[in-house]
Amino acid sequence: MNIMAEIAIIFGICLISEGIAALLPIALPASVISLLLLLALLLSGLIKERHISRVCTFLVGNMAFFFVAPCVSLIEHLPTLAACLVPFLLIAICTTPLVYAITAWTVRFLMAVSQKKEANHD
């Protein structure tokens, strides 16, 4: 598929998600809505993986560069962050292993489900 069409699909989903986020009565980030919408479209088959694979590969491969600007912005607000540095570090230190463990358990569970499905098909 044309790279511009792939970008248009991704940006279109993001634009629709911005509209949905504006209409929702609760605060839900448009980026989260975008991910859920993209997941639903991929699972339903309306969008195939091949329709967005090149752009997604590029975005994932260059993800580190997308965090440079937010990190620089944090440095600008260092005096504000210094006031709550200890709770922030404590939360980060406690939640990082928790997120890692939950992710590992989820992957293990999904792999077991996938293997059971494959065993039932054979």
PDB file of N, CA and C in Angstrom:
ATOM      1  N   MET A   1       0.837  -1.176   0.000  1.00  0.00           N
ATOM      2  CA  MET A   1       0.000   0.000   0.000  1.00  0.00           C
ATOM      3  C   MET A   1       0.886   1.246   0.000  1.00  0.00           C
ATOM      4  N   ASN A   2       0.412   2.310  -0.588  1.00  0.00           N
ATOM      5  CA  ASN A   2       1.118   3.573  -0.661  1.00  0.00           C
ATOM      6  C   ASN A   2       1.370   4.113   0.750  1.00  0.00           C
ATOM      7  N   ILE A   3       2.577   4.628   0.974  1.00  0.00           N
ATOM      8  CA  ILE A   3       2.938   5.123   2.305  1.00  0.00           C
ATOM      9  C   ILE A   3       2.045   6.281   2.744  1.00  0.00           C
ATOM     10  N   MET A   4       1.643   7.117   1.799  1.00  0.00           N
ATOM     11  CA  MET A   4       0.759   8.242   2.132  1.00  0.00           C
ATOM     12  C   MET A   4      -0.622   7.730   2.566  1.00  0.00           C
ATOM     13  N   ALA A   5      -1.080   6.655   1.947  1.00  0.00           N
ATOM     14  CA  ALA A   5      -2.365   6.068   2.341  1.00  0.00           C
ATOM     15  C   ALA A   5      -2.267   5.485   3.751  1.00  0.00           C
ATOM     16  N   GLU A   6      -1.133   4.869   4.066  1.00  0.00           N
ATOM     17  CA  GLU A   6      -0.938   4.318   5.408  1.00  0.00           C
ATOM     18  C   GLU A   6      -0.954   5.433   6.453  1.00  0.00           C
ATOM     19  N   ILE A   7      -0.259   6.531   6.149  1.00  0.00           N
ATOM     20  CA  ILE A   7      -0.242   7.677   7.065  1.00  0.00           C
ATOM     21  C   ILE A   7      -1.648   8.252   7.211  1.00  0.00           C
ATOM     22  N   ALA A   8      -2.378   8.319   6.107  1.00  0.00           N
ATOM     23  CA  ALA A   8      -3.745   8.853   6.150  1.00  0.00           C
ATOM     24  C   ALA A   8      -4.641   7.986   7.032  1.00  0.00           C
ATOM     25  N   ILE A   9      -4.465   6.675   6.977  1.00  0.00           N
ATOM     26  CA  ILE A   9      -5.263   5.774   7.822  1.00  0.00           C
ATOM     27  C   ILE A   9      -4.971   6.039   9.299  1.00  0.00           C
ATOM     28  N   ILE A  10      -3.684   6.100   9.647  1.00  0.00           N
ATOM     29  CA  ILE A  10      -3.297   6.331  11.042  1.00  0.00           C
ATOM     30  C   ILE A  10      -3.795   7.695  11.515  1.00  0.00           C
ATOM     31  N   PHE A  11      -3.556   8.744  10.717  1.00  0.00           N
ATOM     32  CA  PHE A  11      -3.994  10.088  11.107  1.00  0.00           C
ATOM     33  C   PHE A  11      -5.513  10.193  11.140  1.00  0.00           C
ATOM     34  N   GLY A  12      -6.189   9.491  10.243  1.00  0.00           N
ATOM     35  CA  GLY A  12      -7.652   9.491  10.253  1.00  0.00           C
ATOM     36  C   GLY A  12      -8.200   8.899  11.540  1.00  0.00           C
ATOM     37  N   ILE A  13      -7.599   7.804  11.979  1.00  0.00           N
ATOM     38  CA  ILE A  13      -8.011   7.184  13.241  1.00  0.00           C
ATOM     39  C   ILE A  13      -7.758   8.143  14.404  1.00  0.00           C
ATOM     40  N   CYS A  14      -6.612   8.825  14.370  1.00  0.00           N
ATOM     41  CA  CYS A  14      -6.304   9.797  15.430  1.00  0.00           C
ATOM     42  C   CYS A  14      -7.293  10.956  15.424  1.00  0.00           C
ATOM     43  N   LEU A  15      -7.666  11.425  14.246  1.00  0.00           N
ATOM     44  CA  LEU A  15      -8.618  12.532  14.139  1.00  0.00           C
ATOM     45  C   LEU A  15      -9.996  12.127  14.664  1.00  0.00           C
ATOM     46  N   ILE A  16     -10.444  10.948  14.277  1.00  0.00           N
ATOM     47  CA  ILE A  16     -11.731  10.442  14.773  1.00  0.00           C
ATOM     48  C   ILE A  16     -11.691  10.299  16.296  1.00  0.00           C
ATOM     49  N   SER A  17     -10.553   9.841  16.820  1.00  0.00           N
ATOM     50  CA  SER A  17     -10.415   9.679  18.267  1.00  0.00           C
ATOM     51  C   SER A  17     -10.463  11.015  18.991  1.00  0.00           C
ATOM     52  N   GLU A  18      -9.902  12.054  18.388  1.00  0.00           N
ATOM     53  CA  GLU A  18      -9.988  13.394  18.987  1.00  0.00           C
ATOM     54  C   GLU A  18     -11.447  13.823  19.100  1.00  0.00           C
ATOM     55  N   GLY A  19     -12.222  13.553  18.062  1.00  0.00           N
ATOM     56  CA  GLY A  19     -13.645  13.889  18.094  1.00  0.00           C
ATOM     57  C   GLY A  19     -14.396  13.109  19.149  1.00  0.00           C
ATOM     58  N   ILE A  20     -14.096  11.819  19.248  1.00  0.00           N
ATOM     59  CA  ILE A  20     -14.751  10.977  20.254  1.00  0.00           C
ATOM     60  C   ILE A  20     -14.394  11.465  21.654  1.00  0.00           C
ATOM     61  N   ALA A  21     -13.105  11.799  21.874  1.00  0.00           N
ATOM     62  CA  ALA A  21     -12.668  12.275  23.190  1.00  0.00           C
ATOM     63  C   ALA A  21     -13.367  13.577  23.567  1.00  0.00           C
ATOM     64  N   ALA A  22     -13.607  14.435  22.580  1.00  0.00           N
ATOM     65  CA  ALA A  22     -14.290  15.706  22.852  1.00  0.00           C
ATOM     66  C   ALA A  22     -15.758  15.486  23.209  1.00  0.00           C
ATOM     67  N   LEU A  23     -16.350  14.430  22.683  1.00  0.00           N
ATOM     68  CA  LEU A  23     -17.768  14.167  22.933  1.00  0.00           C
ATOM     69  C   LEU A  23     -18.029  13.379  24.218  1.00  0.00           C
ATOM     70  N   LEU A  24     -17.029  12.663  24.694  1.00  0.00           N
ATOM     71  CA  LEU A  24     -17.219  11.832  25.887  1.00  0.00           C
ATOM     72  C   LEU A  24     -17.374  12.689  27.141  1.00  0.00           C
ATOM     73  N   PRO A  25     -18.258  12.272  28.042  1.00  0.00           N
ATOM     74  CA  PRO A  25     -18.436  13.038  29.280  1.00  0.00           C
ATOM     75  C   PRO A  25     -17.324  12.790  30.304  1.00  0.00           C
ATOM     76  N   ILE A  26     -16.469  11.793  30.050  1.00  0.00           N
ATOM     77  CA  ILE A  26     -15.356  11.506  30.958  1.00  0.00           C
ATOM     78  C   ILE A  26     -14.051  11.888  30.280  1.00  0.00           C
ATOM     79  N   ALA A  27     -13.020  12.111  31.084  1.00  0.00           N
ATOM     80  CA  ALA A  27     -11.712  12.468  30.537  1.00  0.00           C
ATOM     81  C   ALA A  27     -10.984  11.194  30.122  1.00  0.00           C
ATOM     82  N   LEU A  28     -10.947  10.929  28.842  1.00  0.00           N
ATOM     83  CA  LEU A  28     -10.240   9.784  28.286  1.00  0.00           C
ATOM     84  C   LEU A  28      -9.357  10.303  27.161  1.00  0.00           C
ATOM     85  N   PRO A  29      -8.040  10.088  27.253  1.00  0.00           N
ATOM     86  CA  PRO A  29      -7.144  10.645  26.239  1.00  0.00           C
ATOM     87  C   PRO A  29      -7.453  10.104  24.841  1.00  0.00           C
ATOM     88  N   ALA A  30      -7.336  10.979  23.864  1.00  0.00           N
ATOM     89  CA  ALA A  30      -7.591  10.583  22.477  1.00  0.00           C
ATOM     90  C   ALA A  30      -6.607   9.514  22.024  1.00  0.00           C
ATOM     91  N   SER A  31      -5.387   9.517  22.568  1.00  0.00           N
ATOM     92  CA  SER A  31      -4.408   8.504  22.176  1.00  0.00           C
ATOM     93  C   SER A  31      -4.856   7.107  22.600  1.00  0.00           C
ATOM     94  N   VAL A  32      -5.474   7.003  23.764  1.00  0.00           N
ATOM     95  CA  VAL A  32      -5.988   5.707  24.229  1.00  0.00           C
ATOM     96  C   VAL A  32      -7.160   5.276  23.353  1.00  0.00           C
ATOM     97  N   ILE A  33      -8.022   6.215  23.033  1.00  0.00           N
ATOM     98  CA  ILE A  33      -9.153   5.910  22.149  1.00  0.00           C
ATOM     99  C   ILE A  33      -8.630   5.469  20.786  1.00  0.00           C
ATOM    100  N   SER A  34      -7.571   6.119  20.297  1.00  0.00           N
ATOM    101  CA  SER A  34      -6.976   5.745  19.007  1.00  0.00           C
ATOM    102  C   SER A  34      -6.491   4.307  19.023  1.00  0.00           C
ATOM    103  N   LEU A  35      -5.800   3.936  20.097  1.00  0.00           N
ATOM    104  CA  LEU A  35      -5.298   2.566  20.195  1.00  0.00           C
ATOM    105  C   LEU A  35      -6.435   1.553  20.228  1.00  0.00           C
ATOM    106  N   LEU A  36      -7.467   1.857  21.000  1.00  0.00           N
ATOM    107  CA  LEU A  36      -8.613   0.946  21.082  1.00  0.00           C
ATOM    108  C   LEU A  36      -9.358   0.871  19.753  1.00  0.00           C
ATOM    109  N   LEU A  37      -9.495   2.004  19.088  1.00  0.00           N
ATOM    110  CA  LEU A  37     -10.165   2.040  17.790  1.00  0.00           C
ATOM    111  C   LEU A  37      -9.365   1.262  16.749  1.00  0.00           C
ATOM    112  N   LEU A  38      -8.048   1.445  16.748  1.00  0.00           N
ATOM    113  CA  LEU A  38      -7.199   0.705  15.813  1.00  0.00           C
ATOM    114  C   LEU A  38      -7.263  -0.791  16.098  1.00  0.00           C
ATOM    115  N   LEU A  39      -7.250  -1.163  17.372  1.00  0.00           N
ATOM    116  CA  LEU A  39      -7.376  -2.577  17.736  1.00  0.00           C
ATOM    117  C   LEU A  39      -8.691  -3.152  17.233  1.00  0.00           C
ATOM    118  N   ALA A  40      -9.776  -2.421  17.436  1.00  0.00           N
ATOM    119  CA  ALA A  40     -11.093  -2.892  16.981  1.00  0.00           C
ATOM    120  C   ALA A  40     -11.127  -3.039  15.466  1.00  0.00           C
ATOM    121  N   LEU A  41     -10.543  -2.087  14.751  1.00  0.00           N
ATOM    122  CA  LEU A  41     -10.532  -2.160  13.285  1.00  0.00           C
ATOM    123  C   LEU A  41      -9.681  -3.324  12.790  1.00  0.00           C
ATOM    124  N   LEU A  42      -8.557  -3.582  13.463  1.00  0.00           N
ATOM    125  CA  LEU A  42      -7.709  -4.709  13.069  1.00  0.00           C
ATOM    126  C   LEU A  42      -8.386  -6.043  13.381  1.00  0.00           C
ATOM    127  N   LEU A  43      -8.995  -6.150  14.560  1.00  0.00           N
ATOM    128  CA  LEU A  43      -9.661  -7.403  14.928  1.00  0.00           C
ATOM    129  C   LEU A  43     -10.879  -7.686  14.063  1.00  0.00           C
ATOM    130  N   SER A  44     -11.571  -6.632  13.659  1.00  0.00           N
ATOM    131  CA  SER A  44     -12.761  -6.826  12.820  1.00  0.00           C
ATOM    132  C   SER A  44     -12.398  -7.112  11.367  1.00  0.00           C
ATOM    133  N   GLY A  45     -11.166  -6.832  10.991  1.00  0.00           N
ATOM    134  CA  GLY A  45     -10.740  -7.074   9.618  1.00  0.00           C
ATOM    135  C   GLY A  45     -11.001  -5.915   8.677  1.00  0.00           C
ATOM    136  N   LEU A  46     -11.548  -4.813   9.192  1.00  0.00           N
ATOM    137  CA  LEU A  46     -11.775  -3.645   8.335  1.00  0.00           C
ATOM    138  C   LEU A  46     -10.455  -3.044   7.866  1.00  0.00           C
ATOM    139  N   ILE A  47      -9.443  -3.124   8.719  1.00  0.00           N
ATOM    140  CA  ILE A  47      -8.088  -2.721   8.347  1.00  0.00           C
ATOM    141  C   ILE A  47      -7.209  -3.949   8.501  1.00  0.00           C
ATOM    142  N   LYS A  48      -6.452  -4.247   7.491  1.00  0.00           N
ATOM    143  CA  LYS A  48      -5.513  -5.367   7.538  1.00  0.00           C
ATOM    144  C   LYS A  48      -4.160  -4.849   8.015  1.00  0.00           C
ATOM    145  N   GLU A  49      -3.372  -5.744   8.582  1.00  0.00           N
ATOM    146  CA  GLU A  49      -2.045  -5.360   9.056  1.00  0.00           C
ATOM    147  C   GLU A  49      -1.206  -4.779   7.923  1.00  0.00           C
ATOM    148  N   ARG A  50      -1.347  -5.327   6.739  1.00  0.00           N
ATOM    149  CA  ARG A  50      -0.554  -4.859   5.601  1.00  0.00           C
ATOM    150  C   ARG A  50      -0.906  -3.432   5.200  1.00  0.00           C
ATOM    151  N   HIS A  51      -2.078  -2.948   5.601  1.00  0.00           N
ATOM    152  CA  HIS A  51      -2.493  -1.588   5.263  1.00  0.00           C
ATOM    153  C   HIS A  51      -1.708  -0.528   6.023  1.00  0.00           C
ATOM    154  N   ILE A  52      -1.119  -0.900   7.168  1.00  0.00           N
ATOM    155  CA  ILE A  52      -0.424   0.088   7.988  1.00  0.00           C
ATOM    156  C   ILE A  52       0.958  -0.376   8.438  1.00  0.00           C
ATOM    157  N   SER A  53       1.442  -1.485   7.937  1.00  0.00           N
ATOM    158  CA  SER A  53       2.658  -2.100   8.472  1.00  0.00           C
ATOM    159  C   SER A  53       3.907  -1.241   8.302  1.00  0.00           C
ATOM    160  N   ARG A  54       4.093  -0.610   7.139  1.00  0.00           N
ATOM    161  CA  ARG A  54       5.326   0.167   6.928  1.00  0.00           C
ATOM    162  C   ARG A  54       5.388   1.386   7.841  1.00  0.00           C
ATOM    163  N   VAL A  55       4.292   2.102   7.952  1.00  0.00           N
ATOM    164  CA  VAL A  55       4.281   3.292   8.813  1.00  0.00           C
ATOM    165  C   VAL A  55       4.453   2.892  10.273  1.00  0.00           C
ATOM    166  N   CYS A  56       3.795   1.828  10.693  1.00  0.00           N
ATOM    167  CA  CYS A  56       3.904   1.382  12.083  1.00  0.00           C
ATOM    168  C   CYS A  56       5.320   0.904  12.399  1.00  0.00           C
ATOM    169  N   THR A  57       5.948   0.209  11.465  1.00  0.00           N
ATOM    170  CA  THR A  57       7.328  -0.227  11.657  1.00  0.00           C
ATOM    171  C   THR A  57       8.242   0.980  11.828  1.00  0.00           C
ATOM    172  N   PHE A  58       8.042   2.002  11.001  1.00  0.00           N
ATOM    173  CA  PHE A  58       8.834   3.227  11.111  1.00  0.00           C
ATOM    174  C   PHE A  58       8.602   3.907  12.458  1.00  0.00           C
ATOM    175  N   LEU A  59       7.346   4.040  12.867  1.00  0.00           N
ATOM    176  CA  LEU A  59       7.031   4.728  14.121  1.00  0.00           C
ATOM    177  C   LEU A  59       7.608   3.990  15.327  1.00  0.00           C
ATOM    178  N   VAL A  60       7.494   2.679  15.345  1.00  0.00           N
ATOM    179  CA  VAL A  60       8.036   1.903  16.461  1.00  0.00           C
ATOM    180  C   VAL A  60       9.562   1.966  16.456  1.00  0.00           C
ATOM    181  N   GLY A  61      10.165   1.907  15.278  1.00  0.00           N
ATOM    182  CA  GLY A  61      11.621   1.966  15.170  1.00  0.00           C
ATOM    183  C   GLY A  61      12.207   3.293  15.614  1.00  0.00           C
ATOM    184  N   ASN A  62      11.454   4.363  15.493  1.00  0.00           N
ATOM    185  CA  ASN A  62      11.935   5.700  15.855  1.00  0.00           C
ATOM    186  C   ASN A  62      11.241   6.255  17.090  1.00  0.00           C
ATOM    187  N   MET A  63      10.675   5.384  17.897  1.00  0.00           N
ATOM    188  CA  MET A  63       9.894   5.818  19.049  1.00  0.00           C
ATOM    189  C   MET A  63      10.713   6.654  20.031  1.00  0.00           C
ATOM    190  N   ALA A  64      11.977   6.334  20.202  1.00  0.00           N
ATOM    191  CA  ALA A  64      12.807   7.069  21.164  1.00  0.00           C
ATOM    192  C   ALA A  64      12.876   8.554  20.826  1.00  0.00           C
ATOM    193  N   PHE A  65      12.900   8.892  19.554  1.00  0.00           N
ATOM    194  CA  PHE A  65      12.978  10.299  19.153  1.00  0.00           C
ATOM    195  C   PHE A  65      11.719  11.072  19.538  1.00  0.00           C
ATOM    196  N   PHE A  66      10.599  10.391  19.637  1.00  0.00           N
ATOM    197  CA  PHE A  66       9.354  11.065  19.986  1.00  0.00           C
ATOM    198  C   PHE A  66       9.301  11.452  21.466  1.00  0.00           C
ATOM    199  N   PHE A  67      10.218  10.910  22.273  1.00  0.00           N
ATOM    200  CA  PHE A  67      10.251  11.233  23.697  1.00  0.00           C
ATOM    201  C   PHE A  67      11.240  12.338  24.030  1.00  0.00           C
ATOM    202  N   VAL A  68      12.023  12.805  23.062  1.00  0.00           N
ATOM    203  CA  VAL A  68      13.016  13.845  23.324  1.00  0.00           C
ATOM    204  C   VAL A  68      12.343  15.147  23.750  1.00  0.00           C
ATOM    205  N   ALA A  69      11.366  15.611  23.009  1.00  0.00           N
ATOM    206  CA  ALA A  69      10.699  16.881  23.336  1.00  0.00           C
ATOM    207  C   ALA A  69      10.020  16.850  24.706  1.00  0.00           C
ATOM    208  N   PRO A  70       9.276  15.796  25.047  1.00  0.00           N
ATOM    209  CA  PRO A  70       8.690  15.777  26.397  1.00  0.00           C
ATOM    210  C   PRO A  70       9.740  15.764  27.508  1.00  0.00           C
ATOM    211  N   CYS A  71      10.867  15.092  27.272  1.00  0.00           N
ATOM    212  CA  CYS A  71      11.925  15.066  28.291  1.00  0.00           C
ATOM    213  C   CYS A  71      12.545  16.447  28.467  1.00  0.00           C
ATOM    214  N   VAL A  72      12.763  17.155  27.371  1.00  0.00           N
ATOM    215  CA  VAL A  72      13.288  18.518  27.451  1.00  0.00           C
ATOM    216  C   VAL A  72      12.291  19.411  28.179  1.00  0.00           C
ATOM    217  N   SER A  73      11.026  19.203  27.925  1.00  0.00           N
ATOM    218  CA  SER A  73       9.991  19.977  28.609  1.00  0.00           C
ATOM    219  C   SER A  73      10.014  19.716  30.114  1.00  0.00           C
ATOM    220  N   LEU A  74      10.292  18.488  30.510  1.00  0.00           N
ATOM    221  CA  LEU A  74      10.405  18.182  31.939  1.00  0.00           C
ATOM    222  C   LEU A  74      11.568  18.933  32.573  1.00  0.00           C
ATOM    223  N   ILE A  75      12.670  19.058  31.847  1.00  0.00           N
ATOM    224  CA  ILE A  75      13.832  19.776  32.368  1.00  0.00           C
ATOM    225  C   ILE A  75      13.484  21.240  32.614  1.00  0.00           C
ATOM    226  N   GLU A  76      12.650  21.816  31.766  1.00  0.00           N
ATOM    227  CA  GLU A  76      12.238  23.205  31.949  1.00  0.00           C
ATOM    228  C   GLU A  76      11.433  23.386  33.233  1.00  0.00           C
ATOM    229  N   HIS A  77      10.754  22.358  33.671  1.00  0.00           N
ATOM    230  CA  HIS A  77       9.906  22.435  34.864  1.00  0.00           C
ATOM    231  C   HIS A  77      10.541  21.732  36.060  1.00  0.00           C
ATOM    232  N   LEU A  78      11.860  21.637  36.069  1.00  0.00           N
ATOM    233  CA  LEU A  78      12.563  20.935  37.133  1.00  0.00           C
ATOM    234  C   LEU A  78      12.296  21.510  38.529  1.00  0.00           C
ATOM    235  N   PRO A  79      12.245  22.831  38.707  1.00  0.00           N
ATOM    236  CA  PRO A  79      11.941  23.344  40.058  1.00  0.00           C
ATOM    237  C   PRO A  79      10.571  22.878  40.575  1.00  0.00           C
ATOM    238  N   THR A  80       9.606  22.808  39.698  1.00  0.00           N
ATOM    239  CA  THR A  80       8.276  22.338  40.101  1.00  0.00           C
ATOM    240  C   THR A  80       8.322  20.857  40.461  1.00  0.00           C
ATOM    241  N   LEU A  81       9.066  20.088  39.671  1.00  0.00           N
ATOM    242  CA  LEU A  81       9.168  18.649  39.929  1.00  0.00           C
ATOM    243  C   LEU A  81       9.979  18.345  41.182  1.00  0.00           C
ATOM    244  N   ALA A  82      10.932  19.216  41.516  1.00  0.00           N
ATOM    245  CA  ALA A  82      11.775  18.981  42.688  1.00  0.00           C
ATOM    246  C   ALA A  82      10.948  18.936  43.967  1.00  0.00           C
ATOM    247  N   ALA A  83       9.857  19.673  43.999  1.00  0.00           N
ATOM    248  CA  ALA A  83       9.006  19.692  45.194  1.00  0.00           C
ATOM    249  C   ALA A  83       8.363  18.335  45.465  1.00  0.00           C
ATOM    250  N   CYS A  84       8.112  17.580  44.427  1.00  0.00           N
ATOM    251  CA  CYS A  84       7.463  16.270  44.613  1.00  0.00           C
ATOM    252  C   CYS A  84       8.324  15.142  44.056  1.00  0.00           C
ATOM    253  N   LEU A  85       9.642  15.315  44.112  1.00  0.00           N
ATOM    254  CA  LEU A  85      10.556  14.332  43.536  1.00  0.00           C
ATOM    255  C   LEU A  85      10.513  12.992  44.274  1.00  0.00           C
ATOM    256  N   VAL A  86      10.499  13.024  45.597  1.00  0.00           N
ATOM    257  CA  VAL A  86      10.522  11.776  46.369  1.00  0.00           C
ATOM    258  C   VAL A  86       9.276  10.928  46.098  1.00  0.00           C
ATOM    259  N   PRO A  87       8.061  11.487  46.186  1.00  0.00           N
ATOM    260  CA  PRO A  87       6.891  10.656  45.858  1.00  0.00           C
ATOM    261  C   PRO A  87       6.908  10.170  44.412  1.00  0.00           C
ATOM    262  N   PHE A  88       7.362  11.030  43.505  1.00  0.00           N
ATOM    263  CA  PHE A  88       7.429  10.648  42.094  1.00  0.00           C
ATOM    264  C   PHE A  88       8.368   9.465  41.895  1.00  0.00           C
ATOM    265  N   LEU A  89       9.571   9.538  42.481  1.00  0.00           N
ATOM    266  CA  LEU A  89      10.532   8.437  42.348  1.00  0.00           C
ATOM    267  C   LEU A  89      10.018   7.171  43.027  1.00  0.00           C
ATOM    268  N   LEU A  90       9.388   7.319  44.174  1.00  0.00           N
ATOM    269  CA  LEU A  90       8.840   6.159  44.877  1.00  0.00           C
ATOM    270  C   LEU A  90       7.773   5.463  44.040  1.00  0.00           C
ATOM    271  N   ILE A  91       6.895   6.250  43.451  1.00  0.00           N
ATOM    272  CA  ILE A  91       5.850   5.687  42.590  1.00  0.00           C
ATOM    273  C   ILE A  91       6.469   5.013  41.371  1.00  0.00           C
ATOM    274  N   ALA A  92       7.446   5.668  40.753  1.00  0.00           N
ATOM    275  CA  ALA A  92       8.092   5.099  39.564  1.00  0.00           C
ATOM    276  C   ALA A  92       8.817   3.799  39.896  1.00  0.00           C
ATOM    277  N   ILE A  93       9.515   3.775  41.021  1.00  0.00           N
ATOM    278  CA  ILE A  93      10.270   2.578  41.411  1.00  0.00           C
ATOM    279  C   ILE A  93       9.325   1.423  41.755  1.00  0.00           C
ATOM    280  N   CYS A  94       8.205   1.726  42.380  1.00  0.00           N
ATOM    281  CA  CYS A  94       7.247   0.670  42.759  1.00  0.00           C
ATOM    282  C   CYS A  94       6.435   0.158  41.569  1.00  0.00           C
ATOM    283  N   THR A  95       6.041   1.059  40.691  1.00  0.00           N
ATOM    284  CA  THR A  95       5.148   0.638  39.611  1.00  0.00           C
ATOM    285  C   THR A  95       5.868   0.013  38.423  1.00  0.00           C
ATOM    286  N   THR A  96       7.137   0.342  38.217  1.00  0.00           N
ATOM    287  CA  THR A  96       7.852  -0.225  37.067  1.00  0.00           C
ATOM    288  C   THR A  96       7.918  -1.750  37.138  1.00  0.00           C
ATOM    289  N   PRO A  97       8.364  -2.346  38.242  1.00  0.00           N
ATOM    290  CA  PRO A  97       8.349  -3.817  38.303  1.00  0.00           C
ATOM    291  C   PRO A  97       6.939  -4.399  38.233  1.00  0.00           C
ATOM    292  N   LEU A  98       5.979  -3.670  38.791  1.00  0.00           N
ATOM    293  CA  LEU A  98       4.595  -4.136  38.749  1.00  0.00           C
ATOM    294  C   LEU A  98       4.091  -4.211  37.311  1.00  0.00           C
ATOM    295  N   VAL A  99       4.338  -3.167  36.542  1.00  0.00           N
ATOM    296  CA  VAL A  99       3.928  -3.156  35.132  1.00  0.00           C
ATOM    297  C   VAL A  99       4.662  -4.253  34.364  1.00  0.00           C
ATOM    298  N   TYR A 100       5.947  -4.419  34.641  1.00  0.00           N
ATOM    299  CA  TYR A 100       6.732  -5.460  33.980  1.00  0.00           C
ATOM    300  C   TYR A 100       6.157  -6.844  34.282  1.00  0.00           C
ATOM    301  N   ALA A 101       5.840  -7.102  35.543  1.00  0.00           N
ATOM    302  CA  ALA A 101       5.308  -8.415  35.934  1.00  0.00           C
ATOM    303  C   ALA A 101       3.935  -8.661  35.322  1.00  0.00           C
ATOM    304  N   ILE A 102       3.068  -7.669  35.353  1.00  0.00           N
ATOM    305  CA  ILE A 102       1.729  -7.839  34.778  1.00  0.00           C
ATOM    306  C   ILE A 102       1.816  -8.071  33.278  1.00  0.00           C
ATOM    307  N   THR A 103       2.723  -7.362  32.617  1.00  0.00           N
ATOM    308  CA  THR A 103       2.914  -7.573  31.179  1.00  0.00           C
ATOM    309  C   THR A 103       3.402  -8.991  30.904  1.00  0.00           C
ATOM    310  N   ALA A 104       4.356  -9.457  31.689  1.00  0.00           N
ATOM    311  CA  ALA A 104       4.874 -10.818  31.507  1.00  0.00           C
ATOM    312  C   ALA A 104       3.774 -11.853  31.724  1.00  0.00           C
ATOM    313  N   TRP A 105       2.968 -11.680  32.758  1.00  0.00           N
ATOM    314  CA  TRP A 105       1.873 -12.626  33.022  1.00  0.00           C
ATOM    315  C   TRP A 105       0.831 -12.590  31.907  1.00  0.00           C
ATOM    316  N   THR A 106       0.560 -11.414  31.396  1.00  0.00           N
ATOM    317  CA  THR A 106      -0.411 -11.297  30.306  1.00  0.00           C
ATOM    318  C   THR A 106       0.097 -11.999  29.057  1.00  0.00           C
ATOM    319  N   VAL A 107       1.364 -11.795  28.730  1.00  0.00           N
ATOM    320  CA  VAL A 107       1.946 -12.456  27.557  1.00  0.00           C
ATOM    321  C   VAL A 107       1.932 -13.962  27.747  1.00  0.00           C
ATOM    322  N   ARG A 108       2.296 -14.427  28.929  1.00  0.00           N
ATOM    323  CA  ARG A 108       2.288 -15.867  29.208  1.00  0.00           C
ATOM    324  C   ARG A 108       0.878 -16.435  29.057  1.00  0.00           C
ATOM    325  N   PHE A 109      -0.118 -15.728  29.584  1.00  0.00           N
ATOM    326  CA  PHE A 109      -1.510 -16.168  29.484  1.00  0.00           C
ATOM    327  C   PHE A 109      -1.961 -16.223  28.026  1.00  0.00           C
ATOM    328  N   LEU A 110      -1.672 -15.173  27.264  1.00  0.00           N
ATOM    329  CA  LEU A 110      -2.091 -15.138  25.862  1.00  0.00           C
ATOM    330  C   LEU A 110      -1.382 -16.203  25.034  1.00  0.00           C
ATOM    331  N   MET A 111      -0.123 -16.483  25.345  1.00  0.00           N
ATOM    332  CA  MET A 111       0.586 -17.551  24.634  1.00  0.00           C
ATOM    333  C   MET A 111      -0.031 -18.909  24.953  1.00  0.00           C
ATOM    334  N   ALA A 112      -0.428 -19.124  26.201  1.00  0.00           N
ATOM    335  CA  ALA A 112      -1.070 -20.390  26.578  1.00  0.00           C
ATOM    336  C   ALA A 112      -2.406 -20.542  25.870  1.00  0.00           C
ATOM    337  N   VAL A 113      -3.181 -19.458  25.803  1.00  0.00           N
ATOM    338  CA  VAL A 113      -4.463 -19.503  25.095  1.00  0.00           C
ATOM    339  C   VAL A 113      -4.236 -19.798  23.620  1.00  0.00           C
ATOM    340  N   SER A 114      -3.228 -19.162  23.032  1.00  0.00           N
ATOM    341  CA  SER A 114      -2.923 -19.375  21.615  1.00  0.00           C
ATOM    342  C   SER A 114      -2.493 -20.814  21.355  1.00  0.00           C
ATOM    343  N   GLN A 115      -1.682 -21.373  22.248  1.00  0.00           N
ATOM    344  CA  GLN A 115      -1.236 -22.753  22.077  1.00  0.00           C
ATOM    345  C   GLN A 115      -2.393 -23.732  22.230  1.00  0.00           C
ATOM    346  N   LYS A 116      -3.323 -23.450  23.144  1.00  0.00           N
ATOM    347  CA  LYS A 116      -4.505 -24.310  23.290  1.00  0.00           C
ATOM    348  C   LYS A 116      -5.359 -24.260  22.036  1.00  0.00           C
ATOM    349  N   LYS A 117      -5.495 -23.072  21.461  1.00  0.00           N
ATOM    350  CA  LYS A 117      -6.269 -22.922  20.229  1.00  0.00           C
ATOM    351  C   LYS A 117      -5.641 -23.728  19.101  1.00  0.00           C
ATOM    352  N   GLU A 118      -4.312 -23.639  18.982  1.00  0.00           N
ATOM    353  CA  GLU A 118      -3.613 -24.380  17.935  1.00  0.00           C
ATOM    354  C   GLU A 118      -3.734 -25.879  18.162  1.00  0.00           C
ATOM    355  N   ALA A 119      -3.676 -26.316  19.418  1.00  0.00           N
ATOM    356  CA  ALA A 119      -3.796 -27.741  19.725  1.00  0.00           C
ATOM    357  C   ALA A 119      -5.197 -28.251  19.394  1.00  0.00           C
ATOM    358  N   ASN A 120      -6.209 -27.420  19.596  1.00  0.00           N
ATOM    359  CA  ASN A 120      -7.584 -27.816  19.279  1.00  0.00           C
ATOM    360  C   ASN A 120      -7.824 -27.880  17.782  1.00  0.00           C
ATOM    361  N   HIS A 121      -7.086 -27.078  17.009  1.00  0.00           N
ATOM    362  CA  HIS A 121      -7.250 -27.096  15.557  1.00  0.00           C
ATOM    363  C   HIS A 121      -6.578 -28.311  14.925  1.00  0.00           C
ATOM    364  N   ASP A 122      -5.575 -28.867  15.611  1.00  0.00           N
ATOM    365  CA  ASP A 122      -4.849 -30.019  15.042  1.00  0.00           C
ATOM    366  C   ASP A 122      -5.550 -31.298  15.274  1.00  0.00           C
TER     367      ASP A 122
END
